[in-house]
Amino acid sequence: MAEYTLKIRRYDPESGQPPYWEEFDVDLEPERSVLDGILQARAEQDGSIGIRCSCQAAICGSCGVRINGKSSLACNTKLFLAEEASQEGDGTIVVEPFGNMPVLKDLIVDMDAVHWKKVQRIVPWLLPEGDPPEREYVVEPEAMIDITQSMACIHCGACNSACLSMEVDPEFIGPAALAKAYRFVGDPRDANTEDRLMDLAQDPHGLYDCTHCFACIEVCPKDVAPMSQIMRLRRRATNDWRSATSTTASATRRRSST
């Protein structure tokens, strides 16, 4: 067992009081998680600490917070590693809510107002052509390889929290939604690829609002690399535009020669 100090940012919007910091000392094995530390502090010292969590296995993504300034999953961050990464000088582990999202209470942010709203913006479901088949849609496994990485997203919101573009432009669709967009653009069963790309390319807060800060790549716990998916979307959008431009030019030349 070892003692760790958690410095938690507390805030209850309904109280009318400004945010403040509160420290809690917890006794746990070094290999236990920061989430374990927060839950121990809540169980033994202050039951009003607000934290959202579920699986505690880095699958559901619900325990996302900033630990020592970095967007992370609390259940997937070991206490001894968090202490080593502390910038406080005395090993204090600083825990605060995600950025770029309104705080509901303490470490709980409103995912619906930002993260899920932006994901809904990109129509996150397949739009196949024609009537539904009698059985499931069949696709060759090789055709899905390109989107496997984007499919690994657990929607924890860490990339949105760390996104510098969203700090400057809160209307930016964001890395999580754009990575999800590529999951459907790259799916051979989807028949709405051109419209999806055109929509995201023409939106001033869309595809080209990303500044390539790499922050989303650094914090993603599942190695989705959202910025890489954004670059793939851009290449697809550029190629489609070039193809459309070439087709239009060819048709114009044909009409002129007749």
C-alpha atoms as a PDB file:
ATOM      1  CA  MET A   1       0.000   0.000   0.000  1.00  0.00           C
ATOM      2  CA  ALA A   2       1.115   3.551  -0.681  1.00  0.00           C
ATOM      3  CA  GLU A   3      -0.331   6.978  -0.016  1.00  0.00           C
ATOM      4  CA  TYR A   4      -1.250   9.237  -2.898  1.00  0.00           C
ATOM      5  CA  THR A   5      -2.638  12.755  -2.905  1.00  0.00           C
ATOM      6  CA  LEU A   6      -5.417  13.578  -5.348  1.00  0.00           C
ATOM      7  CA  LYS A   7      -6.089  17.251  -6.046  1.00  0.00           C
ATOM      8  CA  ILE A   8      -9.604  17.293  -7.454  1.00  0.00           C
ATOM      9  CA  ARG A   9     -11.302  20.261  -9.077  1.00  0.00           C
ATOM     10  CA  ARG A  10     -14.709  20.676  -7.478  1.00  0.00           C
ATOM     11  CA  TYR A  11     -17.568  22.587  -9.032  1.00  0.00           C
ATOM     12  CA  ASP A  12     -21.334  22.533  -8.662  1.00  0.00           C
ATOM     13  CA  PRO A  13     -22.984  24.999 -11.077  1.00  0.00           C
ATOM     14  CA  GLU A  14     -26.226  24.903  -9.082  1.00  0.00           C
ATOM     15  CA  SER A  15     -24.487  26.182  -5.939  1.00  0.00           C
ATOM     16  CA  GLY A  16     -23.639  29.516  -7.493  1.00  0.00           C
ATOM     17  CA  GLN A  17     -20.104  29.198  -6.121  1.00  0.00           C
ATOM     18  CA  PRO A  18     -16.941  29.280  -8.275  1.00  0.00           C
ATOM     19  CA  PRO A  19     -14.807  26.156  -8.833  1.00  0.00           C
ATOM     20  CA  TYR A  20     -12.239  25.249  -6.187  1.00  0.00           C
ATOM     21  CA  TRP A  21      -9.573  22.618  -5.529  1.00  0.00           C
ATOM     22  CA  GLU A  22      -9.741  19.981  -2.801  1.00  0.00           C
ATOM     23  CA  GLU A  23      -7.084  17.442  -1.832  1.00  0.00           C
ATOM     24  CA  PHE A  24      -7.680  13.866  -0.724  1.00  0.00           C
ATOM     25  CA  ASP A  25      -5.119  11.359   0.564  1.00  0.00           C
ATOM     26  CA  VAL A  26      -5.795   7.750  -0.428  1.00  0.00           C
ATOM     27  CA  ASP A  27      -4.077   4.473   0.469  1.00  0.00           C
ATOM     28  CA  LEU A  28      -3.850   2.018  -2.408  1.00  0.00           C
ATOM     29  CA  GLU A  29      -1.462  -0.275  -4.234  1.00  0.00           C
ATOM     30  CA  PRO A  30       0.610   1.600  -6.857  1.00  0.00           C
ATOM     31  CA  GLU A  31      -0.882  -0.531  -9.657  1.00  0.00           C
ATOM     32  CA  ARG A  32      -4.412   0.550  -8.824  1.00  0.00           C
ATOM     33  CA  SER A  33      -6.012   3.189 -10.990  1.00  0.00           C
ATOM     34  CA  VAL A  34      -6.681   6.872 -10.480  1.00  0.00           C
ATOM     35  CA  LEU A  35     -10.365   5.958 -10.661  1.00  0.00           C
ATOM     36  CA  ASP A  36      -9.873   3.601  -7.714  1.00  0.00           C
ATOM     37  CA  GLY A  37      -8.355   6.502  -5.813  1.00  0.00           C
ATOM     38  CA  ILE A  38     -11.274   8.812  -6.618  1.00  0.00           C
ATOM     39  CA  LEU A  39     -13.803   6.156  -5.626  1.00  0.00           C
ATOM     40  CA  GLN A  40     -11.982   5.532  -2.346  1.00  0.00           C
ATOM     41  CA  ALA A  41     -11.989   9.249  -1.580  1.00  0.00           C
ATOM     42  CA  ARG A  42     -15.710   9.390  -2.330  1.00  0.00           C
ATOM     43  CA  ALA A  43     -16.489   6.307  -0.245  1.00  0.00           C
ATOM     44  CA  GLU A  44     -14.400   7.208   2.795  1.00  0.00           C
ATOM     45  CA  GLN A  45     -14.041  11.003   2.845  1.00  0.00           C
ATOM     46  CA  ASP A  46     -16.629  12.871   0.771  1.00  0.00           C
ATOM     47  CA  GLY A  47     -19.619  11.155  -0.782  1.00  0.00           C
ATOM     48  CA  SER A  48     -20.484  14.227  -2.830  1.00  0.00           C
ATOM     49  CA  ILE A  49     -17.551  13.879  -5.264  1.00  0.00           C
ATOM     50  CA  GLY A  50     -19.006  13.691  -8.771  1.00  0.00           C
ATOM     51  CA  ILE A  51     -17.424  11.141 -11.132  1.00  0.00           C
ATOM     52  CA  ARG A  52     -18.971   9.141 -13.982  1.00  0.00           C
ATOM     53  CA  CYS A  53     -17.770   5.546 -14.402  1.00  0.00           C
ATOM     54  CA  SER A  54     -19.021   2.135 -15.424  1.00  0.00           C
ATOM     55  CA  CYS A  55     -16.946  -0.793 -16.709  1.00  0.00           C
ATOM     56  CA  GLN A  56     -13.622   0.135 -15.077  1.00  0.00           C
ATOM     57  CA  ALA A  57     -11.905  -1.783 -17.888  1.00  0.00           C
ATOM     58  CA  ALA A  58     -11.193   0.953 -20.473  1.00  0.00           C
ATOM     59  CA  ILE A  59     -14.070  -0.246 -22.634  1.00  0.00           C
ATOM     60  CA  CYS A  60     -16.989   2.098 -21.975  1.00  0.00           C
ATOM     61  CA  GLY A  61     -15.001   5.364 -21.920  1.00  0.00           C
ATOM     62  CA  SER A  62     -17.274   6.980 -19.330  1.00  0.00           C
ATOM     63  CA  CYS A  63     -14.567   7.850 -16.746  1.00  0.00           C
ATOM     64  CA  GLY A  64     -12.750  10.365 -18.940  1.00  0.00           C
ATOM     65  CA  VAL A  65     -11.036  13.185 -17.012  1.00  0.00           C
ATOM     66  CA  ARG A  66      -7.886  15.273 -17.278  1.00  0.00           C
ATOM     67  CA  ILE A  67      -5.058  13.886 -15.171  1.00  0.00           C
ATOM     68  CA  ASN A  68      -2.110  16.233 -14.705  1.00  0.00           C
ATOM     69  CA  GLY A  69      -3.478  18.254 -17.603  1.00  0.00           C
ATOM     70  CA  LYS A  70      -3.809  15.320 -20.034  1.00  0.00           C
ATOM     71  CA  SER A  71      -7.151  13.927 -21.159  1.00  0.00           C
ATOM     72  CA  SER A  72      -7.235  10.302 -20.033  1.00  0.00           C
ATOM     73  CA  LEU A  73      -9.390   7.449 -18.800  1.00  0.00           C
ATOM     74  CA  ALA A  74      -9.187   7.397 -15.003  1.00  0.00           C
ATOM     75  CA  CYS A  75      -9.634   3.605 -14.942  1.00  0.00           C
ATOM     76  CA  ASN A  76      -6.736   3.118 -17.336  1.00  0.00           C
ATOM     77  CA  THR A  77      -4.205   5.350 -15.551  1.00  0.00           C
ATOM     78  CA  LYS A  78      -2.102   3.767 -12.807  1.00  0.00           C
ATOM     79  CA  LEU A  79      -1.583   5.756  -9.630  1.00  0.00           C
ATOM     80  CA  PHE A  80       2.201   5.387  -9.618  1.00  0.00           C
ATOM     81  CA  LEU A  81       2.450   6.555 -13.227  1.00  0.00           C
ATOM     82  CA  ALA A  82       0.177   9.518 -12.525  1.00  0.00           C
ATOM     83  CA  GLU A  83       2.338  10.452  -9.553  1.00  0.00           C
ATOM     84  CA  GLU A  84       5.480  10.280 -11.692  1.00  0.00           C
ATOM     85  CA  ALA A  85       3.837  12.548 -14.281  1.00  0.00           C
ATOM     86  CA  SER A  86       2.759  15.086 -11.680  1.00  0.00           C
ATOM     87  CA  GLN A  87       3.786  18.689 -12.306  1.00  0.00           C
ATOM     88  CA  GLU A  88       3.105  19.772  -8.728  1.00  0.00           C
ATOM     89  CA  GLY A  89       6.616  19.059  -7.420  1.00  0.00           C
ATOM     90  CA  ASP A  90       5.385  16.910  -4.543  1.00  0.00           C
ATOM     91  CA  GLY A  91       3.779  14.143  -6.617  1.00  0.00           C
ATOM     92  CA  THR A  92       0.226  15.389  -6.182  1.00  0.00           C
ATOM     93  CA  ILE A  93      -2.073  13.967  -8.846  1.00  0.00           C
ATOM     94  CA  VAL A  94      -4.238  16.734 -10.325  1.00  0.00           C
ATOM     95  CA  VAL A  95      -7.646  15.589 -11.565  1.00  0.00           C
ATOM     96  CA  GLU A  96     -10.086  17.875 -13.365  1.00  0.00           C
ATOM     97  CA  PRO A  97     -12.978  17.526 -15.812  1.00  0.00           C
ATOM     98  CA  PHE A  98     -12.617  17.309 -19.586  1.00  0.00           C
ATOM     99  CA  GLY A  99     -12.093  20.534 -21.491  1.00  0.00           C
ATOM    100  CA  ASN A 100     -14.323  21.942 -24.261  1.00  0.00           C
ATOM    101  CA  MET A 101     -17.456  20.639 -22.515  1.00  0.00           C
ATOM    102  CA  PRO A 102     -19.719  22.208 -19.876  1.00  0.00           C
ATOM    103  CA  VAL A 103     -19.287  20.820 -16.365  1.00  0.00           C
ATOM    104  CA  LEU A 104     -22.347  19.276 -14.734  1.00  0.00           C
ATOM    105  CA  LYS A 105     -20.652  18.559 -11.413  1.00  0.00           C
ATOM    106  CA  ASP A 106     -17.028  18.146 -10.370  1.00  0.00           C
ATOM    107  CA  LEU A 107     -15.529  15.656 -12.871  1.00  0.00           C
ATOM    108  CA  ILE A 108     -18.747  15.030 -14.813  1.00  0.00           C
ATOM    109  CA  VAL A 109     -19.181  16.913 -18.101  1.00  0.00           C
ATOM    110  CA  ASP A 110     -22.191  17.233 -20.384  1.00  0.00           C
ATOM    111  CA  MET A 111     -21.317  14.816 -23.192  1.00  0.00           C
ATOM    112  CA  ASP A 112     -24.731  15.270 -24.819  1.00  0.00           C
ATOM    113  CA  ALA A 113     -24.247  19.011 -25.301  1.00  0.00           C
ATOM    114  CA  VAL A 114     -20.971  18.654 -27.199  1.00  0.00           C
ATOM    115  CA  HIS A 115     -19.632  15.177 -27.974  1.00  0.00           C
ATOM    116  CA  TRP A 116     -22.847  13.362 -28.868  1.00  0.00           C
ATOM    117  CA  LYS A 117     -24.353  16.415 -30.547  1.00  0.00           C
ATOM    118  CA  LYS A 118     -21.388  16.562 -32.920  1.00  0.00           C
ATOM    119  CA  VAL A 119     -21.448  12.822 -33.588  1.00  0.00           C
ATOM    120  CA  GLN A 120     -25.130  13.039 -34.526  1.00  0.00           C
ATOM    121  CA  ARG A 121     -24.203  15.848 -36.915  1.00  0.00           C
ATOM    122  CA  ILE A 122     -22.376  13.455 -39.266  1.00  0.00           C
ATOM    123  CA  VAL A 123     -25.287  10.942 -39.525  1.00  0.00           C
ATOM    124  CA  PRO A 124     -23.543   8.056 -37.715  1.00  0.00           C
ATOM    125  CA  TRP A 125     -25.222   5.132 -39.418  1.00  0.00           C
ATOM    126  CA  LEU A 126     -25.001   3.371 -42.760  1.00  0.00           C
ATOM    127  CA  LEU A 127     -27.083   4.698 -45.633  1.00  0.00           C
ATOM    128  CA  PRO A 128     -27.090   1.795 -48.123  1.00  0.00           C
ATOM    129  CA  GLU A 129     -28.661   1.979 -51.563  1.00  0.00           C
ATOM    130  CA  GLY A 130     -31.902   0.234 -52.428  1.00  0.00           C
ATOM    131  CA  ASP A 131     -34.233  -1.855 -50.321  1.00  0.00           C
ATOM    132  CA  PRO A 132     -32.884  -3.808 -47.343  1.00  0.00           C
ATOM    133  CA  PRO A 133     -31.744  -7.321 -48.278  1.00  0.00           C
ATOM    134  CA  GLU A 134     -33.559 -10.387 -46.981  1.00  0.00           C
ATOM    135  CA  ARG A 135     -30.541 -11.226 -44.865  1.00  0.00           C
ATOM    136  CA  GLU A 136     -27.575  -9.231 -43.583  1.00  0.00           C
ATOM    137  CA  TYR A 137     -25.391  -7.033 -45.799  1.00  0.00           C
ATOM    138  CA  VAL A 138     -22.436  -9.164 -46.849  1.00  0.00           C
ATOM    139  CA  VAL A 139     -19.038  -7.565 -47.388  1.00  0.00           C
ATOM    140  CA  GLU A 140     -15.587  -9.036 -47.880  1.00  0.00           C
ATOM    141  CA  PRO A 141     -13.402  -8.746 -44.735  1.00  0.00           C
ATOM    142  CA  GLU A 142     -10.607  -7.206 -46.815  1.00  0.00           C
ATOM    143  CA  ALA A 143     -12.893  -4.312 -47.734  1.00  0.00           C
ATOM    144  CA  MET A 144     -13.243  -3.373 -44.050  1.00  0.00           C
ATOM    145  CA  ILE A 145      -9.531  -3.232 -43.220  1.00  0.00           C
ATOM    146  CA  ASP A 146      -9.273   0.465 -44.037  1.00  0.00           C
ATOM    147  CA  ILE A 147     -11.871   1.442 -41.435  1.00  0.00           C
ATOM    148  CA  THR A 148     -10.912  -0.994 -38.675  1.00  0.00           C
ATOM    149  CA  GLN A 149      -8.915   1.663 -36.833  1.00  0.00           C
ATOM    150  CA  SER A 150     -11.778   4.166 -36.813  1.00  0.00           C
ATOM    151  CA  MET A 151     -14.179   1.456 -35.605  1.00  0.00           C
ATOM    152  CA  ALA A 152     -12.124   1.067 -32.405  1.00  0.00           C
ATOM    153  CA  CYS A 153     -13.456   4.381 -31.022  1.00  0.00           C
ATOM    154  CA  ILE A 154     -15.231   3.989 -27.650  1.00  0.00           C
ATOM    155  CA  HIS A 155     -16.545   7.592 -27.640  1.00  0.00           C
ATOM    156  CA  CYS A 156     -14.788   8.582 -24.440  1.00  0.00           C
ATOM    157  CA  GLY A 157     -14.446  12.175 -25.699  1.00  0.00           C
ATOM    158  CA  ALA A 158     -10.745  12.508 -24.808  1.00  0.00           C
ATOM    159  CA  CYS A 159      -9.894  13.801 -28.282  1.00  0.00           C
ATOM    160  CA  ASN A 160     -12.584  16.482 -28.121  1.00  0.00           C
ATOM    161  CA  SER A 161     -11.349  17.516 -24.688  1.00  0.00           C
ATOM    162  CA  ALA A 162      -7.806  17.970 -25.968  1.00  0.00           C
ATOM    163  CA  CYS A 163      -8.700  19.525 -29.336  1.00  0.00           C
ATOM    164  CA  LEU A 164      -7.137  22.958 -29.786  1.00  0.00           C
ATOM    165  CA  SER A 165      -9.361  23.704 -32.784  1.00  0.00           C
ATOM    166  CA  MET A 166     -12.438  23.279 -30.605  1.00  0.00           C
ATOM    167  CA  GLU A 167     -10.970  25.687 -28.068  1.00  0.00           C
ATOM    168  CA  VAL A 168     -10.705  28.329 -30.793  1.00  0.00           C
ATOM    169  CA  ASP A 169     -13.914  27.383 -32.621  1.00  0.00           C
ATOM    170  CA  PRO A 170     -16.480  25.608 -30.395  1.00  0.00           C
ATOM    171  CA  GLU A 171     -18.561  24.977 -33.530  1.00  0.00           C
ATOM    172  CA  PHE A 172     -15.841  22.771 -35.054  1.00  0.00           C
ATOM    173  CA  ILE A 173     -17.299  19.307 -35.617  1.00  0.00           C
ATOM    174  CA  GLY A 174     -14.346  17.844 -33.760  1.00  0.00           C
ATOM    175  CA  PRO A 175     -12.023  14.856 -34.100  1.00  0.00           C
ATOM    176  CA  ALA A 176     -14.371  12.249 -32.611  1.00  0.00           C
ATOM    177  CA  ALA A 177     -17.179  12.974 -35.077  1.00  0.00           C
ATOM    178  CA  LEU A 178     -14.825  13.193 -38.061  1.00  0.00           C
ATOM    179  CA  ALA A 179     -13.171   9.888 -37.159  1.00  0.00           C
ATOM    180  CA  LYS A 180     -16.645   8.364 -36.991  1.00  0.00           C
ATOM    181  CA  ALA A 181     -17.475   9.963 -40.344  1.00  0.00           C
ATOM    182  CA  TYR A 182     -14.556   8.121 -41.953  1.00  0.00           C
ATOM    183  CA  ARG A 183     -15.877   4.865 -40.528  1.00  0.00           C
ATOM    184  CA  PHE A 184     -18.933   5.301 -42.851  1.00  0.00           C
ATOM    185  CA  VAL A 185     -17.209   7.019 -45.777  1.00  0.00           C
ATOM    186  CA  GLY A 186     -14.824   4.079 -45.989  1.00  0.00           C
ATOM    187  CA  ASP A 187     -17.520   1.427 -45.638  1.00  0.00           C
ATOM    188  CA  PRO A 188     -18.288  -0.168 -49.045  1.00  0.00           C
ATOM    189  CA  ARG A 189     -21.924  -0.683 -48.003  1.00  0.00           C
ATOM    190  CA  ASP A 190     -22.623   3.038 -47.643  1.00  0.00           C
ATOM    191  CA  ALA A 191     -24.096   4.755 -50.709  1.00  0.00           C
ATOM    192  CA  ASN A 192     -23.926   8.308 -49.394  1.00  0.00           C
ATOM    193  CA  THR A 193     -20.164   8.826 -49.579  1.00  0.00           C
ATOM    194  CA  GLU A 194     -20.173  11.795 -51.982  1.00  0.00           C
ATOM    195  CA  ASP A 195     -22.834  13.657 -50.026  1.00  0.00           C
ATOM    196  CA  ARG A 196     -21.032  13.007 -46.731  1.00  0.00           C
ATOM    197  CA  LEU A 197     -17.747  14.321 -48.114  1.00  0.00           C
ATOM    198  CA  MET A 198     -19.350  17.341 -49.772  1.00  0.00           C
ATOM    199  CA  ASP A 199     -21.209  18.219 -46.581  1.00  0.00           C
ATOM    200  CA  LEU A 200     -18.100  18.038 -44.390  1.00  0.00           C
ATOM    201  CA  ALA A 201     -15.905  19.842 -46.926  1.00  0.00           C
ATOM    202  CA  GLN A 202     -18.294  22.754 -47.427  1.00  0.00           C
ATOM    203  CA  ASP A 203     -19.095  23.260 -43.750  1.00  0.00           C
ATOM    204  CA  PRO A 204     -16.848  26.118 -42.445  1.00  0.00           C
ATOM    205  CA  HIS A 205     -16.668  24.236 -39.131  1.00  0.00           C
ATOM    206  CA  GLY A 206     -16.099  20.890 -40.780  1.00  0.00           C
ATOM    207  CA  LEU A 207     -13.341  18.918 -42.399  1.00  0.00           C
ATOM    208  CA  TYR A 208     -10.903  21.775 -43.027  1.00  0.00           C
ATOM    209  CA  ASP A 209     -11.202  23.360 -39.576  1.00  0.00           C
ATOM    210  CA  CYS A 210      -8.667  20.905 -38.108  1.00  0.00           C
ATOM    211  CA  THR A 211      -5.282  22.524 -37.384  1.00  0.00           C
ATOM    212  CA  HIS A 212      -3.278  19.257 -37.159  1.00  0.00           C
ATOM    213  CA  CYS A 213      -2.169  19.848 -33.562  1.00  0.00           C
ATOM    214  CA  PHE A 214      -1.768  16.064 -32.968  1.00  0.00           C
ATOM    215  CA  ALA A 215      -3.416  16.430 -29.521  1.00  0.00           C
ATOM    216  CA  CYS A 216      -6.168  13.943 -30.402  1.00  0.00           C
ATOM    217  CA  ILE A 217      -3.593  11.335 -31.417  1.00  0.00           C
ATOM    218  CA  GLU A 218      -1.662  11.757 -28.171  1.00  0.00           C
ATOM    219  CA  VAL A 219      -4.641  11.262 -25.856  1.00  0.00           C
ATOM    220  CA  CYS A 220      -6.717   8.583 -27.620  1.00  0.00           C
ATOM    221  CA  PRO A 221      -6.729   5.473 -25.363  1.00  0.00           C
ATOM    222  CA  LYS A 222      -7.595   3.158 -28.264  1.00  0.00           C
ATOM    223  CA  ASP A 223      -5.091   4.407 -30.859  1.00  0.00           C
ATOM    224  CA  VAL A 224      -7.850   5.512 -33.219  1.00  0.00           C
ATOM    225  CA  ALA A 225      -5.629   8.439 -34.253  1.00  0.00           C
ATOM    226  CA  PRO A 226      -8.530  10.764 -35.165  1.00  0.00           C
ATOM    227  CA  MET A 227      -6.286  13.183 -37.042  1.00  0.00           C
ATOM    228  CA  SER A 228      -5.215  10.373 -39.364  1.00  0.00           C
ATOM    229  CA  GLN A 229      -8.881   9.675 -40.132  1.00  0.00           C
ATOM    230  CA  ILE A 230      -9.394  13.395 -40.819  1.00  0.00           C
ATOM    231  CA  MET A 231      -6.518  13.363 -43.291  1.00  0.00           C
ATOM    232  CA  ARG A 232      -8.034  10.330 -45.020  1.00  0.00           C
ATOM    233  CA  LEU A 233     -11.327  12.186 -45.295  1.00  0.00           C
ATOM    234  CA  ARG A 234      -9.521  15.143 -46.848  1.00  0.00           C
ATOM    235  CA  ARG A 235      -7.817  12.943 -49.419  1.00  0.00           C
ATOM    236  CA  ARG A 236     -11.129  11.334 -50.335  1.00  0.00           C
ATOM    237  CA  ALA A 237     -12.824  14.744 -50.596  1.00  0.00           C
ATOM    238  CA  THR A 238      -9.972  16.133 -52.736  1.00  0.00           C
ATOM    239  CA  ASN A 239      -9.962  13.120 -55.048  1.00  0.00           C
ATOM    240  CA  ASP A 240     -13.741  13.300 -55.465  1.00  0.00           C
ATOM    241  CA  TRP A 241     -13.532  17.005 -56.270  1.00  0.00           C
ATOM    242  CA  ARG A 242     -10.789  16.426 -58.838  1.00  0.00           C
ATOM    243  CA  SER A 243     -12.763  13.603 -60.410  1.00  0.00           C
ATOM    244  CA  ALA A 244     -15.918  15.728 -60.588  1.00  0.00           C
ATOM    245  CA  THR A 245     -13.967  18.653 -62.043  1.00  0.00           C
ATOM    246  CA  SER A 246     -12.327  16.418 -64.657  1.00  0.00           C
ATOM    247  CA  THR A 247     -15.689  14.906 -65.657  1.00  0.00           C
ATOM    248  CA  THR A 248     -17.285  18.337 -66.009  1.00  0.00           C
ATOM    249  CA  ALA A 249     -14.369  19.612 -68.096  1.00  0.00           C
ATOM    250  CA  SER A 250     -14.541  16.595 -70.395  1.00  0.00           C
ATOM    251  CA  ALA A 251     -18.282  17.032 -70.894  1.00  0.00           C
ATOM    252  CA  THR A 252     -17.773  20.716 -71.682  1.00  0.00           C
ATOM    253  CA  ARG A 253     -15.118  19.920 -74.295  1.00  0.00           C
ATOM    254  CA  ARG A 254     -17.389  17.344 -75.922  1.00  0.00           C
ATOM    255  CA  ARG A 255     -20.268  19.809 -76.174  1.00  0.00           C
ATOM    256  CA  SER A 256     -17.951  22.462 -77.620  1.00  0.00           C
ATOM    257  CA  SER A 257     -16.684  20.123 -80.352  1.00  0.00           C
ATOM    258  CA  THR A 258     -20.150  19.173 -81.598  1.00  0.00           C
END
